[in-house]
Amino acid sequence: MSIADNLLKYKSELDQASVKLIAVSKYQQADAVLAAYQAGQRIFGENIVQELVEKQAELPQDIEWHLIGHLQTNKVKYIAPFVSLIQSVDSLKLLTEINKQAAKNKRVIDCLLQIYIADEDTKFGLGFDEAIALLRSDEFAAMQNVRIVGLMGIASNHALEKQTSDEFHELKVLFDGIKLSFFRKAAYFKEISMGMSGDYKLAIEQGSTMVRIGSNIFGKRTIKHYTAE
């Protein structure tokens, strides 16, 4: 099947569930992204800042780019002028830098707090208590150029369905609590980004509003190695 066929299969299913599709274009060539764009996709997710910057310059300017991978503070300045959503905010230090760079670009940047829900040491993310402490902090209260619009989480790899479902459920419970405590009157706090190719259906059952799907749309990736900046 073509990229367009793969994409439309997912979009049809997700549109019925009112869930946004983030087409993960990491390591994909620009022409593959363009094929998905021409099939109607407008939201793409990238993990690597250098790759994201290159594609943003080359591809249509109405694409919404999401940074979904771990973000180092010294890389924020490269994406601050254009990024639509940073899904992977995992520290107050990073959020502070995003706020700083957004102000320089006279923008407000939407962000998700990445929450650690997996039973693995390799994943990034805030603990539940750390997320609440961040939202209660004076530093966050003073920020004028970031907007927290929801939460993101990545479930454990190769876990049984029950464990995966439980991890997603825990994120939804946290989301509901944070919504009630910090964003009760904020209509923009509405996103829960959880679920990828192998577990997106479980994520939707537990309340996901956006899922991240890559190779099942684009096919096998060609890995390009980027040197550190």
C-alpha atoms as a PDB file:
ATOM      1  CA  MET A   1       0.000   0.000   0.000  1.00  0.00           C
ATOM      2  CA  SER A   2       1.091   3.567  -0.660  1.00  0.00           C
ATOM      3  CA  ILE A   3       1.728   6.229   1.970  1.00  0.00           C
ATOM      4  CA  ALA A   4      -1.583   7.827   0.999  1.00  0.00           C
ATOM      5  CA  ASP A   5      -3.456   4.525   1.378  1.00  0.00           C
ATOM      6  CA  ASN A   6      -1.881   3.826   4.765  1.00  0.00           C
ATOM      7  CA  LEU A   7      -2.598   7.334   5.947  1.00  0.00           C
ATOM      8  CA  LEU A   8      -6.213   7.362   4.865  1.00  0.00           C
ATOM      9  CA  LYS A   9      -6.832   4.040   6.602  1.00  0.00           C
ATOM     10  CA  TYR A  10      -5.728   5.532   9.925  1.00  0.00           C
ATOM     11  CA  LYS A  11      -7.387   8.910   9.370  1.00  0.00           C
ATOM     12  CA  SER A  12     -10.736   7.263   8.683  1.00  0.00           C
ATOM     13  CA  GLU A  13     -10.532   5.275  11.920  1.00  0.00           C
ATOM     14  CA  LEU A  14      -9.220   8.129  14.055  1.00  0.00           C
ATOM     15  CA  ASP A  15     -11.594  10.757  12.686  1.00  0.00           C
ATOM     16  CA  GLN A  16     -14.509   8.604  13.826  1.00  0.00           C
ATOM     17  CA  ALA A  17     -13.035   8.608  17.333  1.00  0.00           C
ATOM     18  CA  SER A  18     -12.255  12.373  17.190  1.00  0.00           C
ATOM     19  CA  VAL A  19      -8.564  11.609  17.758  1.00  0.00           C
ATOM     20  CA  LYS A  20      -5.763  13.532  16.047  1.00  0.00           C
ATOM     21  CA  LEU A  21      -3.186  11.650  14.015  1.00  0.00           C
ATOM     22  CA  ILE A  22       0.433  12.718  14.445  1.00  0.00           C
ATOM     23  CA  ALA A  23       2.326  11.258  11.483  1.00  0.00           C
ATOM     24  CA  VAL A  24       5.805  10.523  12.836  1.00  0.00           C
ATOM     25  CA  SER A  25       8.187  11.436  10.037  1.00  0.00           C
ATOM     26  CA  LYS A  26      11.465  10.845  11.889  1.00  0.00           C
ATOM     27  CA  TYR A  27      14.168   9.620   9.463  1.00  0.00           C
ATOM     28  CA  GLN A  28      11.761   9.892   6.515  1.00  0.00           C
ATOM     29  CA  GLN A  29      12.747  11.805   3.400  1.00  0.00           C
ATOM     30  CA  ALA A  30      10.972  15.062   2.602  1.00  0.00           C
ATOM     31  CA  ASP A  31       9.243  13.528  -0.423  1.00  0.00           C
ATOM     32  CA  ALA A  32       7.607  10.929   1.838  1.00  0.00           C
ATOM     33  CA  VAL A  33       6.302  13.693   4.098  1.00  0.00           C
ATOM     34  CA  LEU A  34       5.055  15.545   1.031  1.00  0.00           C
ATOM     35  CA  ALA A  35       3.165  12.438  -0.128  1.00  0.00           C
ATOM     36  CA  ALA A  36       1.365  12.321   3.224  1.00  0.00           C
ATOM     37  CA  TYR A  37       0.728  16.064   3.023  1.00  0.00           C
ATOM     38  CA  GLN A  38      -0.801  15.705  -0.430  1.00  0.00           C
ATOM     39  CA  ALA A  39      -3.070  12.982   0.988  1.00  0.00           C
ATOM     40  CA  GLY A  40      -4.403  15.487   3.510  1.00  0.00           C
ATOM     41  CA  GLN A  41      -2.140  15.102   6.553  1.00  0.00           C
ATOM     42  CA  ARG A  42      -1.091  18.358   8.204  1.00  0.00           C
ATOM     43  CA  ILE A  43       0.398  17.340  11.576  1.00  0.00           C
ATOM     44  CA  PHE A  44       3.821  15.701  11.662  1.00  0.00           C
ATOM     45  CA  GLY A  45       6.007  14.665  14.578  1.00  0.00           C
ATOM     46  CA  GLU A  46       9.793  14.737  14.674  1.00  0.00           C
ATOM     47  CA  ASN A  47      12.255  13.532  17.316  1.00  0.00           C
ATOM     48  CA  ILE A  48      15.463  15.241  16.185  1.00  0.00           C
ATOM     49  CA  VAL A  49      15.786  19.013  16.124  1.00  0.00           C
ATOM     50  CA  GLN A  50      18.220  19.229  13.206  1.00  0.00           C
ATOM     51  CA  GLU A  51      16.020  17.016  11.046  1.00  0.00           C
ATOM     52  CA  LEU A  52      12.933  19.000  11.995  1.00  0.00           C
ATOM     53  CA  VAL A  53      14.571  22.314  11.082  1.00  0.00           C
ATOM     54  CA  GLU A  54      15.665  20.986   7.686  1.00  0.00           C
ATOM     55  CA  LYS A  55      12.214  19.648   6.813  1.00  0.00           C
ATOM     56  CA  GLN A  56      10.389  22.751   8.013  1.00  0.00           C
ATOM     57  CA  ALA A  57      12.432  24.890   5.630  1.00  0.00           C
ATOM     58  CA  GLU A  58      11.816  22.579   2.687  1.00  0.00           C
ATOM     59  CA  LEU A  59       8.161  21.589   3.064  1.00  0.00           C
ATOM     60  CA  PRO A  60       4.834  23.498   2.931  1.00  0.00           C
ATOM     61  CA  GLN A  61       4.577  26.211   5.540  1.00  0.00           C
ATOM     62  CA  ASP A  62       1.095  25.267   6.758  1.00  0.00           C
ATOM     63  CA  ILE A  63       2.369  22.022   8.284  1.00  0.00           C
ATOM     64  CA  GLU A  64       1.985  21.796  12.065  1.00  0.00           C
ATOM     65  CA  TRP A  65       5.272  20.452  13.423  1.00  0.00           C
ATOM     66  CA  HIS A  66       5.340  18.653  16.760  1.00  0.00           C
ATOM     67  CA  LEU A  67       8.581  17.933  18.588  1.00  0.00           C
ATOM     68  CA  ILE A  68       7.932  14.551  20.205  1.00  0.00           C
ATOM     69  CA  GLY A  69      11.423  13.430  21.249  1.00  0.00           C
ATOM     70  CA  HIS A  70      13.649  14.353  24.170  1.00  0.00           C
ATOM     71  CA  LEU A  71      14.595  18.021  23.802  1.00  0.00           C
ATOM     72  CA  GLN A  72      17.838  19.511  25.094  1.00  0.00           C
ATOM     73  CA  THR A  73      17.657  23.088  26.325  1.00  0.00           C
ATOM     74  CA  ASN A  74      20.390  24.248  23.945  1.00  0.00           C
ATOM     75  CA  LYS A  75      18.318  23.106  20.940  1.00  0.00           C
ATOM     76  CA  VAL A  76      15.106  24.985  21.795  1.00  0.00           C
ATOM     77  CA  LYS A  77      16.200  28.153  19.969  1.00  0.00           C
ATOM     78  CA  TYR A  78      16.270  26.362  16.624  1.00  0.00           C
ATOM     79  CA  ILE A  79      12.594  25.348  16.691  1.00  0.00           C
ATOM     80  CA  ALA A  80      11.111  28.211  18.730  1.00  0.00           C
ATOM     81  CA  PRO A  81      10.279  30.337  15.648  1.00  0.00           C
ATOM     82  CA  PHE A  82       7.890  27.796  14.152  1.00  0.00           C
ATOM     83  CA  VAL A  83       7.116  24.698  16.231  1.00  0.00           C
ATOM     84  CA  SER A  84       3.383  24.171  16.833  1.00  0.00           C
ATOM     85  CA  LEU A  85       3.590  21.884  19.859  1.00  0.00           C
ATOM     86  CA  ILE A  86       6.406  20.557  22.030  1.00  0.00           C
ATOM     87  CA  GLN A  87       5.110  17.261  23.393  1.00  0.00           C
ATOM     88  CA  SER A  88       8.135  16.308  25.472  1.00  0.00           C
ATOM     89  CA  VAL A  89       8.544  18.877  28.262  1.00  0.00           C
ATOM     90  CA  ASP A  90      10.150  16.840  31.030  1.00  0.00           C
ATOM     91  CA  SER A  91      11.621  19.470  33.364  1.00  0.00           C
ATOM     92  CA  LEU A  92      11.065  22.974  34.710  1.00  0.00           C
ATOM     93  CA  LYS A  93      14.487  23.899  33.290  1.00  0.00           C
ATOM     94  CA  LEU A  94      13.366  22.965  29.774  1.00  0.00           C
ATOM     95  CA  LEU A  95      10.053  24.797  30.118  1.00  0.00           C
ATOM     96  CA  THR A  96      11.905  27.889  31.322  1.00  0.00           C
ATOM     97  CA  GLU A  97      14.092  27.845  28.210  1.00  0.00           C
ATOM     98  CA  ILE A  98      11.074  27.342  25.931  1.00  0.00           C
ATOM     99  CA  ASN A  99       9.414  30.341  27.563  1.00  0.00           C
ATOM    100  CA  LYS A 100      12.594  32.404  27.053  1.00  0.00           C
ATOM    101  CA  GLN A 101      12.963  31.498  23.376  1.00  0.00           C
ATOM    102  CA  ALA A 102       9.241  31.939  22.716  1.00  0.00           C
ATOM    103  CA  ALA A 103       9.453  35.463  24.138  1.00  0.00           C
ATOM    104  CA  LYS A 104      12.388  36.248  21.837  1.00  0.00           C
ATOM    105  CA  ASN A 105      10.216  35.174  18.899  1.00  0.00           C
ATOM    106  CA  LYS A 106       7.158  37.043  20.221  1.00  0.00           C
ATOM    107  CA  ARG A 107       5.191  33.797  20.401  1.00  0.00           C
ATOM    108  CA  VAL A 108       3.337  31.632  22.879  1.00  0.00           C
ATOM    109  CA  ILE A 109       4.425  28.004  22.399  1.00  0.00           C
ATOM    110  CA  ASP A 110       2.002  25.214  23.260  1.00  0.00           C
ATOM    111  CA  CYS A 111       3.508  22.373  25.294  1.00  0.00           C
ATOM    112  CA  LEU A 112       2.611  19.023  26.796  1.00  0.00           C
ATOM    113  CA  LEU A 113       4.154  17.823  30.027  1.00  0.00           C
ATOM    114  CA  GLN A 114       5.714  14.421  29.383  1.00  0.00           C
ATOM    115  CA  ILE A 115       4.793  12.109  32.243  1.00  0.00           C
ATOM    116  CA  TYR A 116       6.802   9.021  33.153  1.00  0.00           C
ATOM    117  CA  ILE A 117       4.335   6.122  33.076  1.00  0.00           C
ATOM    118  CA  ALA A 118       6.480   3.220  31.822  1.00  0.00           C
ATOM    119  CA  ASP A 119       8.085   0.482  33.881  1.00  0.00           C
ATOM    120  CA  GLU A 120      11.466   1.210  32.257  1.00  0.00           C
ATOM    121  CA  ASP A 121      14.541   3.258  33.091  1.00  0.00           C
ATOM    122  CA  THR A 122      15.139   4.380  29.501  1.00  0.00           C
ATOM    123  CA  LYS A 123      12.100   6.636  29.188  1.00  0.00           C
ATOM    124  CA  PHE A 124      12.081  10.347  29.958  1.00  0.00           C
ATOM    125  CA  GLY A 125       9.350  12.185  31.803  1.00  0.00           C
ATOM    126  CA  LEU A 126       8.180  13.876  34.966  1.00  0.00           C
ATOM    127  CA  GLY A 127       6.931  11.865  37.898  1.00  0.00           C
ATOM    128  CA  PHE A 128       3.363  12.606  38.952  1.00  0.00           C
ATOM    129  CA  ASP A 129       4.550  14.590  41.975  1.00  0.00           C
ATOM    130  CA  GLU A 130       7.131  16.447  39.874  1.00  0.00           C
ATOM    131  CA  ALA A 131       4.483  17.558  37.385  1.00  0.00           C
ATOM    132  CA  ILE A 132       2.280  18.905  40.151  1.00  0.00           C
ATOM    133  CA  ALA A 133       5.249  20.676  41.773  1.00  0.00           C
ATOM    134  CA  LEU A 134       6.093  22.303  38.433  1.00  0.00           C
ATOM    135  CA  LEU A 135       2.550  23.588  37.999  1.00  0.00           C
ATOM    136  CA  ARG A 136       2.544  24.947  41.559  1.00  0.00           C
ATOM    137  CA  SER A 137       5.903  26.689  41.180  1.00  0.00           C
ATOM    138  CA  ASP A 138       6.369  30.449  41.177  1.00  0.00           C
ATOM    139  CA  GLU A 139       8.585  30.048  38.110  1.00  0.00           C
ATOM    140  CA  PHE A 140       5.745  28.564  36.081  1.00  0.00           C
ATOM    141  CA  ALA A 141       3.267  31.145  37.330  1.00  0.00           C
ATOM    142  CA  ALA A 142       5.512  33.893  35.947  1.00  0.00           C
ATOM    143  CA  MET A 143       5.797  32.391  32.449  1.00  0.00           C
ATOM    144  CA  GLN A 144       3.952  34.383  29.786  1.00  0.00           C
ATOM    145  CA  ASN A 145       5.093  32.652  26.585  1.00  0.00           C
ATOM    146  CA  VAL A 146       4.233  28.983  27.116  1.00  0.00           C
ATOM    147  CA  ARG A 147       0.862  27.312  27.373  1.00  0.00           C
ATOM    148  CA  ILE A 148       0.430  23.849  28.863  1.00  0.00           C
ATOM    149  CA  VAL A 149      -2.288  22.224  26.771  1.00  0.00           C
ATOM    150  CA  GLY A 150      -2.122  18.681  28.165  1.00  0.00           C
ATOM    151  CA  LEU A 151       0.000  15.650  28.956  1.00  0.00           C
ATOM    152  CA  MET A 152       2.008  13.072  27.014  1.00  0.00           C
ATOM    153  CA  GLY A 153       3.127   9.593  28.004  1.00  0.00           C
ATOM    154  CA  ILE A 154       4.820   6.551  26.484  1.00  0.00           C
ATOM    155  CA  ALA A 155       3.871   3.099  27.720  1.00  0.00           C
ATOM    156  CA  SER A 156       6.322   0.292  28.438  1.00  0.00           C
ATOM    157  CA  ASN A 157       7.741  -1.552  25.440  1.00  0.00           C
ATOM    158  CA  HIS A 158       6.536  -5.112  24.810  1.00  0.00           C
ATOM    159  CA  ALA A 159       4.238  -5.093  27.836  1.00  0.00           C
ATOM    160  CA  LEU A 160       1.072  -7.141  28.152  1.00  0.00           C
ATOM    161  CA  GLU A 161      -2.094  -5.356  27.095  1.00  0.00           C
ATOM    162  CA  LYS A 162      -3.319  -5.020  30.679  1.00  0.00           C
ATOM    163  CA  GLN A 163      -0.139  -3.273  31.793  1.00  0.00           C
ATOM    164  CA  THR A 164      -0.209  -0.938  28.805  1.00  0.00           C
ATOM    165  CA  SER A 165      -3.876  -0.147  29.394  1.00  0.00           C
ATOM    166  CA  ASP A 166      -3.203   0.463  33.094  1.00  0.00           C
ATOM    167  CA  GLU A 167      -0.351   2.854  32.296  1.00  0.00           C
ATOM    168  CA  PHE A 168      -2.569   4.840  29.937  1.00  0.00           C
ATOM    169  CA  HIS A 169      -5.344   4.836  32.537  1.00  0.00           C
ATOM    170  CA  GLU A 170      -2.968   6.274  35.145  1.00  0.00           C
ATOM    171  CA  LEU A 171      -2.095   9.115  32.767  1.00  0.00           C
ATOM    172  CA  LYS A 172      -5.776   9.870  32.172  1.00  0.00           C
ATOM    173  CA  VAL A 173      -6.441   9.935  35.919  1.00  0.00           C
ATOM    174  CA  LEU A 174      -3.551  12.369  36.389  1.00  0.00           C
ATOM    175  CA  PHE A 175      -4.818  14.493  33.494  1.00  0.00           C
ATOM    176  CA  ASP A 176      -8.275  14.700  35.076  1.00  0.00           C
ATOM    177  CA  GLY A 177      -6.795  15.694  38.431  1.00  0.00           C
ATOM    178  CA  ILE A 178      -4.551  18.362  36.933  1.00  0.00           C
ATOM    179  CA  LYS A 179      -7.423  19.699  34.831  1.00  0.00           C
ATOM    180  CA  LEU A 180      -9.577  20.074  37.934  1.00  0.00           C
ATOM    181  CA  SER A 181      -6.839  21.592  40.098  1.00  0.00           C
ATOM    182  CA  PHE A 182      -4.977  23.879  37.699  1.00  0.00           C
ATOM    183  CA  PHE A 183      -6.908  24.328  34.446  1.00  0.00           C
ATOM    184  CA  ARG A 184     -10.579  24.093  35.373  1.00  0.00           C
ATOM    185  CA  LYS A 185     -11.503  27.153  33.328  1.00  0.00           C
ATOM    186  CA  ALA A 186      -8.909  26.656  30.572  1.00  0.00           C
ATOM    187  CA  ALA A 187     -10.542  25.140  27.497  1.00  0.00           C
ATOM    188  CA  TYR A 188      -7.122  24.752  25.876  1.00  0.00           C
ATOM    189  CA  PHE A 189      -5.998  22.136  28.427  1.00  0.00           C
ATOM    190  CA  LYS A 190      -7.541  19.200  26.591  1.00  0.00           C
ATOM    191  CA  GLU A 191      -4.848  17.009  25.009  1.00  0.00           C
ATOM    192  CA  ILE A 192      -3.613  13.585  26.085  1.00  0.00           C
ATOM    193  CA  SER A 193      -0.966  12.326  23.690  1.00  0.00           C
ATOM    194  CA  MET A 194      -0.578   8.600  24.196  1.00  0.00           C
ATOM    195  CA  GLY A 195      -0.525   5.618  21.885  1.00  0.00           C
ATOM    196  CA  MET A 196       1.651   4.566  18.968  1.00  0.00           C
ATOM    197  CA  SER A 197       1.368   1.997  16.176  1.00  0.00           C
ATOM    198  CA  GLY A 198       1.221  -1.028  18.456  1.00  0.00           C
ATOM    199  CA  ASP A 199      -0.984   0.291  21.238  1.00  0.00           C
ATOM    200  CA  TYR A 200      -3.001   3.223  19.911  1.00  0.00           C
ATOM    201  CA  LYS A 201      -6.328   1.387  20.218  1.00  0.00           C
ATOM    202  CA  LEU A 202      -5.718   0.787  23.934  1.00  0.00           C
ATOM    203  CA  ALA A 203      -4.740   4.441  24.290  1.00  0.00           C
ATOM    204  CA  ILE A 204      -7.946   5.630  22.633  1.00  0.00           C
ATOM    205  CA  GLU A 205      -9.983   3.415  24.966  1.00  0.00           C
ATOM    206  CA  GLN A 206      -8.327   5.202  27.886  1.00  0.00           C
ATOM    207  CA  GLY A 207      -8.964   8.706  26.574  1.00  0.00           C
ATOM    208  CA  SER A 208      -6.135   9.620  24.214  1.00  0.00           C
ATOM    209  CA  THR A 209      -6.810  12.667  22.032  1.00  0.00           C
ATOM    210  CA  MET A 210      -3.773  12.256  19.763  1.00  0.00           C
ATOM    211  CA  VAL A 211      -1.758   9.229  18.658  1.00  0.00           C
ATOM    212  CA  ARG A 212       1.699   9.022  17.097  1.00  0.00           C
ATOM    213  CA  ILE A 213       2.090   6.634  14.142  1.00  0.00           C
ATOM    214  CA  GLY A 214       5.152   6.441  11.916  1.00  0.00           C
ATOM    215  CA  SER A 215       6.443   3.357  10.113  1.00  0.00           C
ATOM    216  CA  ASN A 216       2.936   1.936   9.630  1.00  0.00           C
ATOM    217  CA  ILE A 217       2.263   4.979   7.458  1.00  0.00           C
ATOM    218  CA  PHE A 218       5.634   5.614   5.837  1.00  0.00           C
ATOM    219  CA  GLY A 219       7.207   2.157   5.804  1.00  0.00           C
ATOM    220  CA  LYS A 220      10.694   1.290   6.937  1.00  0.00           C
ATOM    221  CA  ARG A 221      12.871   4.219   7.978  1.00  0.00           C
ATOM    222  CA  THR A 222      16.239   5.078   6.506  1.00  0.00           C
ATOM    223  CA  ILE A 223      18.270   6.169   9.497  1.00  0.00           C
ATOM    224  CA  LYS A 224      20.317   9.305   8.985  1.00  0.00           C
ATOM    225  CA  HIS A 225      22.962  10.091  11.563  1.00  0.00           C
ATOM    226  CA  TYR A 226      23.176  13.639  12.816  1.00  0.00           C
ATOM    227  CA  THR A 227      26.252  15.018  14.532  1.00  0.00           C
ATOM    228  CA  ALA A 228      25.917  16.904  17.768  1.00  0.00           C
ATOM    229  CA  GLU A 229      25.610  20.643  17.375  1.00  0.00           C
END
